[in-house]
Amino acid sequence: MALPLEKYYTVEDYYDMPEDIRAELIEGQIVYMAAPSTQHQRISSHLHLIIGNYINSKHGSCEVFYAPYSVQLREEDDTVVEPDIVVVCDPDKITPRGCVGAPDWIIEIVSPSNPRHDYITKLYLYSNAGVREYWIIDAAQNKIYVYNMQDNKLVLKDYTFQDTVKVGIYDDFYIDFSDFNITI
């Protein structure tokens, strides 16, 4: 739920908020977020481990972060999001506050209370900011939507939790979703 449009909030307003408040700044408006469910946390934790282990095994320069982790998509922008999983391959984008600039790969796990936020608002923000790959994981629908956004094209492929999904930003990385425990 967004605050009324009575005030335009800046990035500094966002960072001045208490740390215990879960919110994002979307085009100058504060959008509060509900705490994630157990199922959401299981999926997020599993993905974070798989991605982190892959990067470490390859001695890669990319880093993986999990929510809450602030991503200011553009330096001059009035938007700061907190994706569930973020992979950043350019170390110059990593700051003490989070990431400034488009990450290479973002994963959002759909909140049943506000699916529009991930499917529409964030897809728009991420594609316009230059994020290379965006995944939407919707456990309620048993779907993984993979948006490859390289070369100014938006290519969508969808999968289920019985599928193995190729990670587009890597040549040899696949995630087998049949291994995930998505109950409760």
N, C-alpha and C. Protein backbone atom coordinates (compact mmCIF):
# COMPACT_ATOMS: atom_id res chain seq x y z
N MET A 1 0.85 -1.17 0.00
CA MET A 1 0.00 0.00 0.00
C MET A 1 0.89 1.24 0.00
N ALA A 2 0.68 2.14 -0.93
CA ALA A 2 1.46 3.37 -1.02
C ALA A 2 0.89 4.43 -0.10
N LEU A 3 1.77 5.29 0.38
CA LEU A 3 1.30 6.43 1.16
C LEU A 3 0.56 7.39 0.23
N PRO A 4 -0.33 8.21 0.76
CA PRO A 4 -1.01 9.20 -0.09
C PRO A 4 0.03 10.10 -0.78
N LEU A 5 -0.33 10.63 -1.93
CA LEU A 5 0.58 11.44 -2.72
C LEU A 5 0.77 12.85 -2.15
N GLU A 6 0.68 12.98 -0.86
CA GLU A 6 0.82 14.28 -0.23
C GLU A 6 2.26 14.76 -0.24
N LYS A 7 3.20 13.84 -0.33
CA LYS A 7 4.59 14.20 -0.26
C LYS A 7 5.39 13.37 -1.25
N TYR A 8 6.37 14.00 -1.83
CA TYR A 8 7.33 13.31 -2.68
C TYR A 8 8.53 12.94 -1.79
N TYR A 9 8.86 11.65 -1.76
CA TYR A 9 9.96 11.18 -0.92
C TYR A 9 11.22 11.00 -1.76
N THR A 10 12.36 11.30 -1.17
CA THR A 10 13.65 11.18 -1.85
C THR A 10 14.37 9.92 -1.39
N VAL A 11 15.46 9.63 -2.04
CA VAL A 11 16.29 8.50 -1.63
C VAL A 11 16.79 8.72 -0.20
N GLU A 12 17.13 9.95 0.13
CA GLU A 12 17.57 10.23 1.51
C GLU A 12 16.45 9.99 2.51
N ASP A 13 15.21 10.34 2.17
CA ASP A 13 14.06 10.04 3.05
C ASP A 13 13.96 8.53 3.27
N TYR A 14 14.15 7.79 2.19
CA TYR A 14 14.08 6.33 2.28
C TYR A 14 15.13 5.80 3.25
N TYR A 15 16.36 6.24 3.09
CA TYR A 15 17.45 5.75 3.95
C TYR A 15 17.34 6.27 5.38
N ASP A 16 16.58 7.32 5.60
CA ASP A 16 16.36 7.84 6.96
C ASP A 16 15.27 7.07 7.71
N MET A 17 14.55 6.20 7.03
CA MET A 17 13.49 5.42 7.69
C MET A 17 14.12 4.44 8.68
N PRO A 18 13.40 4.08 9.74
CA PRO A 18 13.92 3.07 10.67
C PRO A 18 14.18 1.74 9.95
N GLU A 19 15.21 1.02 10.39
CA GLU A 19 15.61 -0.22 9.73
C GLU A 19 14.56 -1.32 9.84
N ASP A 20 13.68 -1.24 10.83
CA ASP A 20 12.71 -2.31 11.03
C ASP A 20 11.46 -2.15 10.17
N ILE A 21 11.41 -1.13 9.33
CA ILE A 21 10.27 -0.93 8.44
C ILE A 21 10.61 -1.50 7.07
N ARG A 22 9.76 -2.40 6.57
CA ARG A 22 9.96 -2.99 5.24
C ARG A 22 9.19 -2.14 4.23
N ALA A 23 9.95 -1.46 3.39
CA ALA A 23 9.32 -0.58 2.41
C ALA A 23 10.25 -0.40 1.22
N GLU A 24 9.67 0.07 0.14
CA GLU A 24 10.42 0.44 -1.05
C GLU A 24 10.03 1.86 -1.43
N LEU A 25 10.89 2.51 -2.18
CA LEU A 25 10.61 3.83 -2.71
C LEU A 25 10.41 3.67 -4.21
N ILE A 26 9.18 3.90 -4.67
CA ILE A 26 8.85 3.74 -6.09
C ILE A 26 8.43 5.11 -6.64
N GLU A 27 9.28 5.66 -7.47
CA GLU A 27 9.03 6.96 -8.11
C GLU A 27 8.56 8.00 -7.09
N GLY A 28 9.30 8.09 -5.98
CA GLY A 28 9.04 9.11 -4.97
C GLY A 28 7.97 8.77 -3.96
N GLN A 29 7.38 7.58 -4.04
CA GLN A 29 6.33 7.18 -3.11
C GLN A 29 6.79 5.97 -2.29
N ILE A 30 6.52 6.00 -0.99
CA ILE A 30 6.86 4.89 -0.11
C ILE A 30 5.80 3.81 -0.25
N VAL A 31 6.25 2.58 -0.50
CA VAL A 31 5.35 1.43 -0.62
C VAL A 31 5.76 0.43 0.46
N TYR A 32 4.85 0.19 1.40
CA TYR A 32 5.14 -0.74 2.49
C TYR A 32 4.98 -2.18 2.03
N MET A 33 5.77 -3.07 2.64
CA MET A 33 5.73 -4.48 2.26
C MET A 33 5.44 -5.33 3.49
N ALA A 34 4.67 -6.38 3.28
CA ALA A 34 4.37 -7.31 4.35
C ALA A 34 5.58 -8.22 4.59
N ALA A 35 5.65 -8.77 5.79
CA ALA A 35 6.71 -9.74 6.08
C ALA A 35 6.50 -10.97 5.22
N PRO A 36 7.57 -11.59 4.75
CA PRO A 36 7.43 -12.77 3.89
C PRO A 36 6.95 -13.99 4.66
N SER A 37 6.27 -14.87 3.94
CA SER A 37 5.75 -16.11 4.53
C SER A 37 6.87 -17.14 4.69
N THR A 38 6.58 -18.21 5.39
CA THR A 38 7.54 -19.30 5.55
C THR A 38 7.90 -19.88 4.19
N GLN A 39 6.92 -20.11 3.34
CA GLN A 39 7.17 -20.65 2.01
C GLN A 39 8.09 -19.72 1.21
N HIS A 40 7.83 -18.45 1.27
CA HIS A 40 8.64 -17.44 0.61
C HIS A 40 10.08 -17.52 1.09
N GLN A 41 10.27 -17.62 2.40
CA GLN A 41 11.61 -17.68 2.97
C GLN A 41 12.34 -18.96 2.57
N ARG A 42 11.62 -20.07 2.50
CA ARG A 42 12.24 -21.33 2.09
C ARG A 42 12.77 -21.22 0.65
N ILE A 43 11.96 -20.68 -0.22
CA ILE A 43 12.37 -20.52 -1.62
C ILE A 43 13.56 -19.57 -1.71
N SER A 44 13.47 -18.45 -1.04
CA SER A 44 14.54 -17.45 -1.07
C SER A 44 15.84 -18.01 -0.52
N SER A 45 15.76 -18.69 0.59
CA SER A 45 16.96 -19.26 1.22
C SER A 45 17.61 -20.30 0.31
N HIS A 46 16.79 -21.16 -0.27
CA HIS A 46 17.30 -22.21 -1.16
C HIS A 46 17.99 -21.59 -2.39
N LEU A 47 17.35 -20.60 -2.98
CA LEU A 47 17.94 -19.92 -4.14
C LEU A 47 19.26 -19.23 -3.78
N HIS A 48 19.27 -18.56 -2.65
CA HIS A 48 20.47 -17.85 -2.23
C HIS A 48 21.64 -18.83 -2.08
N LEU A 49 21.39 -19.97 -1.48
CA LEU A 49 22.44 -20.98 -1.31
C LEU A 49 22.93 -21.53 -2.65
N ILE A 50 21.98 -21.88 -3.52
CA ILE A 50 22.34 -22.44 -4.83
C ILE A 50 23.17 -21.43 -5.64
N ILE A 51 22.71 -20.20 -5.69
CA ILE A 51 23.39 -19.17 -6.48
C ILE A 51 24.76 -18.86 -5.87
N GLY A 52 24.80 -18.70 -4.56
CA GLY A 52 26.07 -18.41 -3.88
C GLY A 52 27.08 -19.53 -4.07
N ASN A 53 26.63 -20.77 -3.96
CA ASN A 53 27.52 -21.91 -4.16
C ASN A 53 28.05 -21.96 -5.59
N TYR A 54 27.18 -21.67 -6.56
CA TYR A 54 27.62 -21.65 -7.96
C TYR A 54 28.70 -20.58 -8.16
N ILE A 55 28.43 -19.37 -7.71
CA ILE A 55 29.40 -18.28 -7.89
C ILE A 55 30.73 -18.63 -7.22
N ASN A 56 30.66 -19.16 -6.00
CA ASN A 56 31.89 -19.52 -5.29
C ASN A 56 32.65 -20.64 -6.00
N SER A 57 31.94 -21.62 -6.54
CA SER A 57 32.60 -22.74 -7.21
C SER A 57 33.33 -22.28 -8.48
N LYS A 58 32.84 -21.21 -9.08
CA LYS A 58 33.46 -20.68 -10.31
C LYS A 58 34.47 -19.57 -10.00
N HIS A 59 34.62 -19.23 -8.71
CA HIS A 59 35.49 -18.13 -8.30
C HIS A 59 35.10 -16.86 -9.07
N GLY A 60 33.78 -16.67 -9.19
CA GLY A 60 33.25 -15.56 -9.97
C GLY A 60 33.36 -14.23 -9.25
N SER A 61 33.25 -13.18 -10.03
CA SER A 61 33.31 -11.83 -9.47
C SER A 61 31.94 -11.31 -9.06
N CYS A 62 30.89 -12.02 -9.45
CA CYS A 62 29.54 -11.59 -9.09
C CYS A 62 29.29 -11.87 -7.61
N GLU A 63 28.34 -11.14 -7.03
CA GLU A 63 27.92 -11.36 -5.65
C GLU A 63 26.42 -11.52 -5.61
N VAL A 64 25.94 -12.36 -4.70
CA VAL A 64 24.50 -12.56 -4.53
C VAL A 64 24.10 -11.99 -3.17
N PHE A 65 22.97 -11.27 -3.17
CA PHE A 65 22.43 -10.66 -1.96
C PHE A 65 20.96 -11.06 -1.84
N TYR A 66 20.43 -11.03 -0.63
CA TYR A 66 19.03 -11.35 -0.40
C TYR A 66 18.38 -10.26 0.43
N ALA A 67 17.07 -10.18 0.34
CA ALA A 67 16.31 -9.13 1.03
C ALA A 67 16.46 -9.26 2.55
N PRO A 68 16.48 -8.14 3.22
CA PRO A 68 16.40 -6.79 2.66
C PRO A 68 17.76 -6.30 2.17
N TYR A 69 17.81 -5.91 0.92
CA TYR A 69 19.00 -5.35 0.31
C TYR A 69 18.55 -4.27 -0.66
N SER A 70 19.00 -3.05 -0.42
CA SER A 70 18.53 -1.91 -1.21
C SER A 70 19.20 -1.84 -2.57
N VAL A 71 18.36 -1.61 -3.59
CA VAL A 71 18.84 -1.44 -4.96
C VAL A 71 18.26 -0.14 -5.49
N GLN A 72 19.15 0.83 -5.70
CA GLN A 72 18.77 2.09 -6.34
C GLN A 72 19.10 1.90 -7.82
N LEU A 73 18.07 1.73 -8.63
CA LEU A 73 18.26 1.31 -10.01
C LEU A 73 19.08 2.29 -10.86
N ARG A 74 18.96 3.57 -10.56
CA ARG A 74 19.75 4.61 -11.24
C ARG A 74 20.21 5.60 -10.19
N GLU A 75 21.40 6.13 -10.37
CA GLU A 75 21.96 7.04 -9.37
C GLU A 75 21.08 8.27 -9.18
N GLU A 76 20.52 8.80 -10.25
CA GLU A 76 19.73 10.02 -10.17
C GLU A 76 18.24 9.75 -9.92
N ASP A 77 17.90 8.51 -9.65
CA ASP A 77 16.50 8.08 -9.59
C ASP A 77 15.88 8.30 -8.22
N ASP A 78 14.56 8.25 -8.18
CA ASP A 78 13.78 8.36 -6.94
C ASP A 78 13.15 7.02 -6.59
N THR A 79 13.85 5.93 -6.95
CA THR A 79 13.33 4.59 -6.73
C THR A 79 14.41 3.73 -6.07
N VAL A 80 14.03 3.09 -4.96
CA VAL A 80 14.88 2.12 -4.28
C VAL A 80 14.02 0.91 -3.99
N VAL A 81 14.40 -0.24 -4.54
CA VAL A 81 13.64 -1.46 -4.36
C VAL A 81 14.44 -2.43 -3.48
N GLU A 82 13.74 -3.43 -2.96
CA GLU A 82 14.37 -4.48 -2.17
C GLU A 82 13.98 -5.84 -2.75
N PRO A 83 14.64 -6.24 -3.85
CA PRO A 83 14.32 -7.54 -4.45
C PRO A 83 14.63 -8.68 -3.48
N ASP A 84 14.01 -9.82 -3.72
CA ASP A 84 14.25 -10.97 -2.86
C ASP A 84 15.66 -11.52 -3.04
N ILE A 85 16.13 -11.60 -4.29
CA ILE A 85 17.48 -12.06 -4.59
C ILE A 85 18.06 -11.11 -5.65
N VAL A 86 19.31 -10.73 -5.47
CA VAL A 86 19.98 -9.82 -6.39
C VAL A 86 21.37 -10.37 -6.70
N VAL A 87 21.73 -10.40 -7.98
CA VAL A 87 23.09 -10.77 -8.38
C VAL A 87 23.70 -9.55 -9.08
N VAL A 88 24.84 -9.10 -8.54
CA VAL A 88 25.54 -7.93 -9.07
C VAL A 88 26.93 -8.38 -9.50
N CYS A 89 27.26 -8.14 -10.76
CA CYS A 89 28.55 -8.57 -11.30
C CYS A 89 29.55 -7.43 -11.44
N ASP A 90 29.12 -6.20 -11.30
CA ASP A 90 30.00 -5.04 -11.36
C ASP A 90 30.25 -4.55 -9.94
N PRO A 91 31.46 -4.77 -9.41
CA PRO A 91 31.73 -4.37 -8.03
C PRO A 91 31.61 -2.87 -7.78
N ASP A 92 31.72 -2.06 -8.84
CA ASP A 92 31.58 -0.61 -8.68
C ASP A 92 30.16 -0.20 -8.33
N LYS A 93 29.18 -1.09 -8.54
CA LYS A 93 27.78 -0.78 -8.21
C LYS A 93 27.45 -1.06 -6.74
N ILE A 94 28.35 -1.75 -6.05
CA ILE A 94 28.09 -2.13 -4.66
C ILE A 94 28.63 -1.05 -3.74
N THR A 95 27.73 -0.52 -2.91
CA THR A 95 28.08 0.55 -1.97
C THR A 95 27.74 0.10 -0.55
N PRO A 96 28.14 0.86 0.44
CA PRO A 96 27.76 0.51 1.82
C PRO A 96 26.24 0.45 2.03
N ARG A 97 25.47 1.17 1.24
CA ARG A 97 24.01 1.17 1.37
C ARG A 97 23.33 0.05 0.59
N GLY A 98 23.99 -0.49 -0.41
CA GLY A 98 23.37 -1.50 -1.27
C GLY A 98 23.97 -1.41 -2.66
N CYS A 99 23.11 -1.54 -3.65
CA CYS A 99 23.52 -1.49 -5.05
C CYS A 99 23.00 -0.21 -5.68
N VAL A 100 23.87 0.49 -6.41
CA VAL A 100 23.46 1.66 -7.17
C VAL A 100 23.74 1.35 -8.64
N GLY A 101 22.67 1.21 -9.40
CA GLY A 101 22.75 0.81 -10.79
C GLY A 101 22.01 -0.50 -10.97
N ALA A 102 21.77 -0.87 -12.20
CA ALA A 102 20.99 -2.07 -12.49
C ALA A 102 21.81 -3.32 -12.18
N PRO A 103 21.28 -4.21 -11.33
CA PRO A 103 21.93 -5.50 -11.11
C PRO A 103 21.84 -6.34 -12.39
N ASP A 104 22.59 -7.42 -12.43
CA ASP A 104 22.57 -8.29 -13.60
C ASP A 104 21.37 -9.23 -13.58
N TRP A 105 20.96 -9.66 -12.38
CA TRP A 105 19.88 -10.65 -12.24
C TRP A 105 19.11 -10.34 -10.97
N ILE A 106 17.80 -10.30 -11.10
CA ILE A 106 16.91 -10.08 -9.95
C ILE A 106 15.86 -11.18 -9.94
N ILE A 107 15.59 -11.68 -8.73
CA ILE A 107 14.52 -12.66 -8.54
C ILE A 107 13.55 -12.09 -7.51
N GLU A 108 12.27 -12.10 -7.87
CA GLU A 108 11.20 -11.73 -6.94
C GLU A 108 10.32 -12.94 -6.71
N ILE A 109 9.97 -13.18 -5.47
CA ILE A 109 9.04 -14.24 -5.09
C ILE A 109 7.72 -13.55 -4.80
N VAL A 110 6.70 -13.90 -5.54
CA VAL A 110 5.42 -13.18 -5.50
C VAL A 110 4.78 -13.25 -4.13
N SER A 111 4.37 -12.09 -3.67
CA SER A 111 3.59 -12.00 -2.44
C SER A 111 2.12 -12.11 -2.82
N PRO A 112 1.38 -13.04 -2.20
CA PRO A 112 -0.04 -13.17 -2.54
C PRO A 112 -0.85 -11.90 -2.28
N SER A 113 -0.36 -11.04 -1.40
CA SER A 113 -1.10 -9.82 -1.08
C SER A 113 -0.96 -8.74 -2.15
N ASN A 114 0.09 -8.83 -2.99
CA ASN A 114 0.29 -7.78 -3.99
C ASN A 114 1.06 -8.30 -5.21
N PRO A 115 0.50 -9.25 -5.96
CA PRO A 115 1.23 -9.80 -7.12
C PRO A 115 1.48 -8.77 -8.21
N ARG A 116 0.61 -7.79 -8.34
CA ARG A 116 0.76 -6.76 -9.36
C ARG A 116 2.10 -6.03 -9.24
N HIS A 117 2.56 -5.88 -8.03
CA HIS A 117 3.82 -5.18 -7.77
C HIS A 117 4.98 -5.86 -8.49
N ASP A 118 5.04 -7.19 -8.43
CA ASP A 118 6.13 -7.94 -9.08
C ASP A 118 5.90 -8.10 -10.58
N TYR A 119 4.65 -8.38 -10.96
CA TYR A 119 4.35 -8.66 -12.36
C TYR A 119 4.34 -7.42 -13.26
N ILE A 120 3.96 -6.29 -12.71
CA ILE A 120 3.82 -5.10 -13.56
C ILE A 120 4.81 -4.01 -13.17
N THR A 121 4.71 -3.51 -11.94
CA THR A 121 5.53 -2.38 -11.51
C THR A 121 7.02 -2.71 -11.62
N LYS A 122 7.42 -3.83 -11.02
CA LYS A 122 8.85 -4.14 -11.01
C LYS A 122 9.35 -4.59 -12.38
N LEU A 123 8.55 -5.30 -13.14
CA LEU A 123 8.96 -5.65 -14.49
C LEU A 123 9.27 -4.39 -15.29
N TYR A 124 8.41 -3.40 -15.19
CA TYR A 124 8.61 -2.13 -15.88
C TYR A 124 9.89 -1.45 -15.40
N LEU A 125 10.06 -1.35 -14.08
CA LEU A 125 11.24 -0.69 -13.52
C LEU A 125 12.52 -1.40 -13.94
N TYR A 126 12.54 -2.71 -13.81
CA TYR A 126 13.76 -3.48 -14.10
C TYR A 126 14.11 -3.45 -15.58
N SER A 127 13.11 -3.58 -16.44
CA SER A 127 13.41 -3.57 -17.88
C SER A 127 13.91 -2.21 -18.32
N ASN A 128 13.37 -1.13 -17.76
CA ASN A 128 13.81 0.22 -18.12
C ASN A 128 15.17 0.58 -17.53
N ALA A 129 15.54 -0.07 -16.43
CA ALA A 129 16.82 0.26 -15.77
C ALA A 129 18.00 -0.50 -16.38
N GLY A 130 17.72 -1.56 -17.15
CA GLY A 130 18.80 -2.31 -17.75
C GLY A 130 19.18 -3.59 -17.03
N VAL A 131 18.29 -4.11 -16.18
CA VAL A 131 18.53 -5.40 -15.55
C VAL A 131 18.57 -6.45 -16.67
N ARG A 132 19.56 -7.32 -16.65
CA ARG A 132 19.73 -8.29 -17.75
C ARG A 132 18.74 -9.45 -17.68
N GLU A 133 18.41 -9.87 -16.45
CA GLU A 133 17.53 -11.03 -16.29
C GLU A 133 16.66 -10.83 -15.05
N TYR A 134 15.37 -11.15 -15.19
CA TYR A 134 14.42 -10.98 -14.09
C TYR A 134 13.56 -12.24 -14.01
N TRP A 135 13.53 -12.84 -12.82
CA TRP A 135 12.69 -14.02 -12.58
C TRP A 135 11.59 -13.66 -11.61
N ILE A 136 10.38 -14.09 -11.93
CA ILE A 136 9.26 -13.99 -11.00
C ILE A 136 8.88 -15.41 -10.62
N ILE A 137 8.95 -15.69 -9.34
CA ILE A 137 8.60 -17.02 -8.84
C ILE A 137 7.26 -16.91 -8.14
N ASP A 138 6.29 -17.65 -8.66
CA ASP A 138 4.93 -17.62 -8.13
C ASP A 138 4.57 -19.04 -7.67
N ALA A 139 4.80 -19.31 -6.40
CA ALA A 139 4.56 -20.66 -5.86
C ALA A 139 3.07 -21.01 -5.90
N ALA A 140 2.19 -20.04 -5.73
CA ALA A 140 0.75 -20.31 -5.76
C ALA A 140 0.31 -20.83 -7.13
N GLN A 141 0.97 -20.36 -8.18
CA GLN A 141 0.66 -20.81 -9.54
C GLN A 141 1.58 -21.93 -10.02
N ASN A 142 2.55 -22.31 -9.18
CA ASN A 142 3.54 -23.32 -9.57
C ASN A 142 4.28 -22.88 -10.83
N LYS A 143 4.69 -21.60 -10.87
CA LYS A 143 5.31 -21.04 -12.08
C LYS A 143 6.57 -20.25 -11.74
N ILE A 144 7.49 -20.30 -12.68
CA ILE A 144 8.67 -19.45 -12.69
C ILE A 144 8.67 -18.74 -14.03
N TYR A 145 8.60 -17.42 -14.00
CA TYR A 145 8.62 -16.63 -15.23
C TYR A 145 10.01 -16.01 -15.37
N VAL A 146 10.66 -16.28 -16.49
CA VAL A 146 12.02 -15.81 -16.71
C VAL A 146 11.99 -14.79 -17.85
N TYR A 147 12.39 -13.57 -17.51
CA TYR A 147 12.49 -12.50 -18.49
C TYR A 147 13.95 -12.25 -18.79
N ASN A 148 14.35 -12.49 -20.03
CA ASN A 148 15.67 -12.15 -20.49
C ASN A 148 15.54 -10.78 -21.13
N MET A 149 16.27 -9.81 -20.60
CA MET A 149 16.08 -8.43 -21.05
C MET A 149 17.35 -7.86 -21.66
N GLN A 150 18.15 -8.71 -22.30
CA GLN A 150 19.38 -8.25 -22.93
C GLN A 150 19.10 -7.82 -24.37
N ASP A 151 19.99 -7.01 -24.89
CA ASP A 151 19.91 -6.55 -26.29
C ASP A 151 18.60 -5.81 -26.59
N ASN A 152 18.07 -5.07 -25.61
CA ASN A 152 16.84 -4.29 -25.76
C ASN A 152 15.65 -5.12 -26.19
N LYS A 153 15.66 -6.40 -25.83
CA LYS A 153 14.53 -7.28 -26.10
C LYS A 153 14.02 -7.82 -24.78
N LEU A 154 12.74 -8.07 -24.73
CA LEU A 154 12.12 -8.65 -23.54
C LEU A 154 11.58 -10.02 -23.95
N VAL A 155 12.31 -11.07 -23.56
CA VAL A 155 11.93 -12.43 -23.93
C VAL A 155 11.46 -13.16 -22.68
N LEU A 156 10.24 -13.70 -22.74
CA LEU A 156 9.65 -14.40 -21.61
C LEU A 156 9.59 -15.90 -21.88
N LYS A 157 10.02 -16.67 -20.88
CA LYS A 157 9.82 -18.12 -20.88
C LYS A 157 9.23 -18.47 -19.53
N ASP A 158 8.31 -19.42 -19.52
CA ASP A 158 7.75 -19.82 -18.22
C ASP A 158 8.01 -21.30 -17.96
N TYR A 159 8.15 -21.61 -16.67
CA TYR A 159 8.48 -22.95 -16.21
C TYR A 159 7.61 -23.29 -15.01
N THR A 160 7.70 -24.55 -14.57
CA THR A 160 7.00 -24.98 -13.36
C THR A 160 8.05 -25.44 -12.34
N PHE A 161 7.57 -25.79 -11.16
CA PHE A 161 8.46 -26.30 -10.12
C PHE A 161 8.90 -27.74 -10.39
N GLN A 162 8.56 -28.29 -11.52
CA GLN A 162 9.06 -29.60 -11.93
C GLN A 162 10.18 -29.46 -12.96
N ASP A 163 10.52 -28.23 -13.34
CA ASP A 163 11.47 -27.98 -14.41
C ASP A 163 12.85 -27.58 -13.89
N THR A 164 13.81 -27.73 -14.78
CA THR A 164 15.15 -27.19 -14.58
C THR A 164 15.26 -25.94 -15.45
N VAL A 165 15.71 -24.85 -14.84
CA VAL A 165 15.71 -23.56 -15.51
C VAL A 165 17.15 -23.09 -15.73
N LYS A 166 17.46 -22.70 -16.96
CA LYS A 166 18.78 -22.17 -17.28
C LYS A 166 18.86 -20.71 -16.85
N VAL A 167 19.96 -20.37 -16.21
CA VAL A 167 20.23 -18.99 -15.83
C VAL A 167 20.88 -18.30 -17.02
N GLY A 168 20.24 -17.26 -17.52
CA GLY A 168 20.69 -16.63 -18.76
C GLY A 168 22.00 -15.87 -18.67
N ILE A 169 22.36 -15.36 -17.50
CA ILE A 169 23.58 -14.57 -17.42
C ILE A 169 24.83 -15.45 -17.31
N TYR A 170 24.64 -16.76 -17.21
CA TYR A 170 25.75 -17.71 -17.15
C TYR A 170 25.58 -18.77 -18.24
N ASP A 171 26.69 -19.29 -18.73
CA ASP A 171 26.63 -20.30 -19.79
C ASP A 171 26.30 -21.70 -19.28
N ASP A 172 26.64 -22.00 -18.03
CA ASP A 172 26.55 -23.38 -17.56
C ASP A 172 25.82 -23.52 -16.21
N PHE A 173 24.88 -22.65 -15.94
CA PHE A 173 24.20 -22.67 -14.65
C PHE A 173 22.72 -22.97 -14.85
N TYR A 174 22.26 -24.03 -14.17
CA TYR A 174 20.87 -24.46 -14.23
C TYR A 174 20.37 -24.66 -12.81
N ILE A 175 19.12 -24.33 -12.56
CA ILE A 175 18.51 -24.55 -11.25
C ILE A 175 17.36 -25.53 -11.41
N ASP A 176 17.42 -26.63 -10.68
CA ASP A 176 16.39 -27.66 -10.72
C ASP A 176 15.36 -27.37 -9.64
N PHE A 177 14.21 -26.87 -10.06
CA PHE A 177 13.17 -26.49 -9.11
C PHE A 177 12.43 -27.69 -8.53
N SER A 178 12.62 -28.87 -9.09
CA SER A 178 11.96 -30.05 -8.50
C SER A 178 12.57 -30.39 -7.14
N ASP A 179 13.75 -29.83 -6.83
CA ASP A 179 14.39 -30.04 -5.53
C ASP A 179 13.82 -29.13 -4.44
N PHE A 180 12.99 -28.17 -4.81
CA PHE A 180 12.51 -27.18 -3.85
C PHE A 180 11.36 -27.73 -3.02
N ASN A 181 11.34 -27.37 -1.74
CA ASN A 181 10.22 -27.71 -0.86
C ASN A 181 9.34 -26.46 -0.77
N ILE A 182 8.23 -26.45 -1.50
CA ILE A 182 7.41 -25.23 -1.54
C ILE A 182 6.13 -25.35 -0.72
N THR A 183 6.03 -26.32 0.15
CA THR A 183 4.84 -26.44 0.97
C THR A 183 4.83 -25.37 2.06
N ILE A 184 3.65 -25.10 2.54
CA ILE A 184 3.38 -24.10 3.59
C ILE A 184 4.12 -22.84 3.29
